[in-house]
Structures are given as C-alpha cells and as structure tokens.
C-alpha cells in the first residue's frame, strides 16, 4: 500500500453549503506542499 497526499480546499457557497474540492493528488508531502504555496 502506498501513501498519497491530497490538496483539498473547502468552499462555502452563498447558500451556506460546504463542498470539498480536490486540487490534486501527490506522491510526496513536499510535492503537495509546494503546489499549495503556488495555488494561492
């Protein structure tokens, strides 16, 4: 079994509903961290 890291953002709509959006899945934690820094 391999370990994967996901970059997930929670979005709140004007109706008050929350949704989780997966921005990417990465093989390493450092790859996920670097993508998070460039995403915003």
PDB file of N, CA and C in Angstrom:
ATOM      1  N   UNK A   1       0.845  -1.168   0.000  1.00  0.00           N
ATOM      2  CA  UNK A   1       0.000   0.000   0.000  1.00  0.00           C
ATOM      3  C   UNK A   1       0.895   1.238   0.000  1.00  0.00           C
ATOM      4  N   UNK A   2       0.621   2.180  -0.896  1.00  0.00           N
ATOM      5  CA  UNK A   2       1.418   3.397  -0.955  1.00  0.00           C
ATOM      6  C   UNK A   2       0.657   4.563  -0.328  1.00  0.00           C
ATOM      7  N   UNK A   3       1.398   5.528   0.139  1.00  0.00           N
ATOM      8  CA  UNK A   3       0.835   6.697   0.794  1.00  0.00           C
ATOM      9  C   UNK A   3       0.735   7.828  -0.219  1.00  0.00           C
ATOM     10  N   UNK A   4      -0.436   8.467  -0.315  1.00  0.00           N
ATOM     11  CA  UNK A   4      -0.651   9.594  -1.212  1.00  0.00           C
ATOM     12  C   UNK A   4      -1.094  10.802  -0.401  1.00  0.00           C
ATOM     13  N   UNK A   5      -0.823  11.986  -0.927  1.00  0.00           N
ATOM     14  CA  UNK A   5      -1.208  13.231  -0.279  1.00  0.00           C
ATOM     15  C   UNK A   5      -2.135  13.995  -1.211  1.00  0.00           C
ATOM     16  N   UNK A   6      -3.224  14.543  -0.655  1.00  0.00           N
ATOM     17  CA  UNK A   6      -4.194  15.282  -1.465  1.00  0.00           C
ATOM     18  C   UNK A   6      -4.269  16.722  -0.990  1.00  0.00           C
ATOM     19  N   UNK A   7      -4.350  17.640  -1.957  1.00  0.00           N
ATOM     20  CA  UNK A   7      -4.539  19.058  -1.662  1.00  0.00           C
ATOM     21  C   UNK A   7      -6.027  19.345  -1.830  1.00  0.00           C
ATOM     22  N   UNK A   8      -6.714  19.649  -0.717  1.00  0.00           N
ATOM     23  CA  UNK A   8      -8.167  19.817  -0.704  1.00  0.00           C
ATOM     24  C   UNK A   8      -8.514  21.206  -0.193  1.00  0.00           C
ATOM     25  N   UNK A   9      -9.478  21.843  -0.851  1.00  0.00           N
ATOM     26  CA  UNK A   9      -9.970  23.154  -0.447  1.00  0.00           C
ATOM     27  C   UNK A   9     -11.445  23.017  -0.106  1.00  0.00           C
ATOM     28  N   UNK A  10     -11.859  23.616   1.004  1.00  0.00           N
ATOM     29  CA  UNK A  10     -13.273  23.631   1.377  1.00  0.00           C
ATOM     30  C   UNK A  10     -13.853  24.976   0.972  1.00  0.00           C
ATOM     31  N   UNK A  11     -14.958  24.936   0.213  1.00  0.00           N
ATOM     32  CA  UNK A  11     -15.593  26.137  -0.314  1.00  0.00           C
ATOM     33  C   UNK A  11     -16.987  26.269   0.291  1.00  0.00           C
ATOM     34  N   UNK A  12     -17.322  27.476   0.735  1.00  0.00           N
ATOM     35  CA  UNK A  12     -18.655  27.744   1.263  1.00  0.00           C
ATOM     36  C   UNK A  12     -19.428  28.549   0.224  1.00  0.00           C
ATOM     37  N   UNK A  13     -20.582  28.033  -0.213  1.00  0.00           N
ATOM     38  CA  UNK A  13     -21.415  28.711  -1.201  1.00  0.00           C
ATOM     39  C   UNK A  13     -22.272  29.773  -0.502  1.00  0.00           C
ATOM     40  N   UNK A  14     -22.853  30.654  -1.278  1.00  0.00           N
ATOM     41  CA  UNK A  14     -23.724  31.695  -0.725  1.00  0.00           C
ATOM     42  C   UNK A  14     -24.941  31.104  -0.023  1.00  0.00           C
ATOM     43  N   UNK A  15     -25.304  29.883  -0.374  1.00  0.00           N
ATOM     44  CA  UNK A  15     -26.446  29.214   0.247  1.00  0.00           C
ATOM     45  C   UNK A  15     -26.085  28.604   1.603  1.00  0.00           C
ATOM     46  N   UNK A  16     -24.804  28.646   1.973  1.00  0.00           N
ATOM     47  CA  UNK A  16     -24.359  28.080   3.237  1.00  0.00           C
ATOM     48  C   UNK A  16     -23.901  26.644   3.141  1.00  0.00           C
ATOM     49  N   UNK A  17     -23.915  26.079   1.941  1.00  0.00           N
ATOM     50  CA  UNK A  17     -23.464  24.701   1.747  1.00  0.00           C
ATOM     51  C   UNK A  17     -21.945  24.665   1.580  1.00  0.00           C
ATOM     52  N   UNK A  18     -21.324  23.651   2.181  1.00  0.00           N
ATOM     53  CA  UNK A  18     -19.878  23.475   2.079  1.00  0.00           C
ATOM     54  C   UNK A  18     -19.567  22.334   1.113  1.00  0.00           C
ATOM     55  N   UNK A  19     -18.525  22.517   0.323  1.00  0.00           N
ATOM     56  CA  UNK A  19     -18.073  21.482  -0.601  1.00  0.00           C
ATOM     57  C   UNK A  19     -16.554  21.379  -0.523  1.00  0.00           C
ATOM     58  N   UNK A  20     -16.052  20.148  -0.565  1.00  0.00           N
ATOM     59  CA  UNK A  20     -14.609  19.912  -0.622  1.00  0.00           C
ATOM     60  C   UNK A  20     -14.214  19.692  -2.068  1.00  0.00           C
ATOM     61  N   UNK A  21     -13.169  20.381  -2.503  1.00  0.00           N
ATOM     62  CA  UNK A  21     -12.677  20.268  -3.870  1.00  0.00           C
ATOM     63  C   UNK A  21     -11.241  19.764  -3.818  1.00  0.00           C
ATOM     64  N   UNK A  22     -10.969  18.669  -4.518  1.00  0.00           N
ATOM     65  CA  UNK A  22      -9.612  18.136  -4.580  1.00  0.00           C
ATOM     66  C   UNK A  22      -8.871  18.843  -5.708  1.00  0.00           C
ATOM     67  N   UNK A  23      -7.791  19.531  -5.343  1.00  0.00           N
ATOM     68  CA  UNK A  23      -6.995  20.240  -6.346  1.00  0.00           C
ATOM     69  C   UNK A  23      -5.904  19.361  -6.943  1.00  0.00           C
ATOM     70  N   UNK A  24      -5.528  18.312  -6.239  1.00  0.00           N
ATOM     71  CA  UNK A  24      -4.509  17.424  -6.772  1.00  0.00           C
ATOM     72  C   UNK A  24      -4.162  16.316  -5.806  1.00  0.00           C
ATOM     73  N   UNK A  25      -3.560  15.255  -6.327  1.00  0.00           N
ATOM     74  CA  UNK A  25      -3.081  14.133  -5.531  1.00  0.00           C
ATOM     75  C   UNK A  25      -1.602  13.965  -5.857  1.00  0.00           C
ATOM     76  N   UNK A  26      -0.784  13.816  -4.802  1.00  0.00           N
ATOM     77  CA  UNK A  26       0.670  13.831  -4.972  1.00  0.00           C
ATOM     78  C   UNK A  26       1.305  12.617  -4.311  1.00  0.00           C
ATOM     79  N   UNK A  27       2.429  12.188  -4.834  1.00  0.00           N
ATOM     80  CA  UNK A  27       3.163  11.039  -4.314  1.00  0.00           C
ATOM     81  C   UNK A  27       3.919  11.389  -3.035  1.00  0.00           C
ATOM     82  N   UNK A  28       4.314  12.663  -2.878  1.00  0.00           N
ATOM     83  CA  UNK A  28       5.102  13.064  -1.719  1.00  0.00           C
ATOM     84  C   UNK A  28       4.461  14.258  -1.019  1.00  0.00           C
ATOM     85  N   UNK A  29       4.745  14.389   0.269  1.00  0.00           N
ATOM     86  CA  UNK A  29       4.229  15.509   1.043  1.00  0.00           C
ATOM     87  C   UNK A  29       4.849  16.823   0.569  1.00  0.00           C
ATOM     88  N   UNK A  30       6.123  16.795   0.200  1.00  0.00           N
ATOM     89  CA  UNK A  30       6.783  18.019  -0.269  1.00  0.00           C
ATOM     90  C   UNK A  30       6.195  18.491  -1.596  1.00  0.00           C
ATOM     91  N   UNK A  31       5.794  17.574  -2.471  1.00  0.00           N
ATOM     92  CA  UNK A  31       5.151  17.945  -3.728  1.00  0.00           C
ATOM     93  C   UNK A  31       3.796  18.593  -3.488  1.00  0.00           C
ATOM     94  N   UNK A  32       3.058  18.087  -2.513  1.00  0.00           N
ATOM     95  CA  UNK A  32       1.768  18.655  -2.149  1.00  0.00           C
ATOM     96  C   UNK A  32       1.964  20.046  -1.535  1.00  0.00           C
ATOM     97  N   UNK A  33       2.947  20.178  -0.657  1.00  0.00           N
ATOM     98  CA  UNK A  33       3.231  21.469  -0.027  1.00  0.00           C
ATOM     99  C   UNK A  33       3.617  22.529  -1.044  1.00  0.00           C
ATOM    100  N   UNK A  34       4.464  22.179  -2.007  1.00  0.00           N
ATOM    101  CA  UNK A  34       4.896  23.155  -2.991  1.00  0.00           C
ATOM    102  C   UNK A  34       3.736  23.574  -3.909  1.00  0.00           C
ATOM    103  N   UNK A  35       2.824  22.667  -4.203  1.00  0.00           N
ATOM    104  CA  UNK A  35       1.651  23.004  -5.015  1.00  0.00           C
ATOM    105  C   UNK A  35       0.704  23.925  -4.257  1.00  0.00           C
ATOM    106  N   UNK A  36       0.615  23.727  -2.953  1.00  0.00           N
ATOM    107  CA  UNK A  36      -0.254  24.565  -2.133  1.00  0.00           C
ATOM    108  C   UNK A  36       0.274  25.993  -2.094  1.00  0.00           C
ATOM    109  N   UNK A  37       1.571  26.161  -2.038  1.00  0.00           N
ATOM    110  CA  UNK A  37       2.157  27.510  -2.000  1.00  0.00           C
ATOM    111  C   UNK A  37       1.934  28.261  -3.313  1.00  0.00           C
ATOM    112  N   UNK A  38       1.899  27.545  -4.424  1.00  0.00           N
ATOM    113  CA  UNK A  38       1.711  28.212  -5.720  1.00  0.00           C
ATOM    114  C   UNK A  38       0.238  28.342  -6.093  1.00  0.00           C
ATOM    115  N   UNK A  39      -0.656  27.678  -5.344  1.00  0.00           N
ATOM    116  CA  UNK A  39      -2.089  27.698  -5.685  1.00  0.00           C
ATOM    117  C   UNK A  39      -2.757  29.012  -5.313  1.00  0.00           C
ATOM    118  N   UNK A  40      -2.245  29.737  -4.334  1.00  0.00           N
ATOM    119  CA  UNK A  40      -2.907  30.985  -3.963  1.00  0.00           C
ATOM    120  C   UNK A  40      -2.082  32.137  -4.307  1.00  0.00           C
TER     121      UNK A  40
END
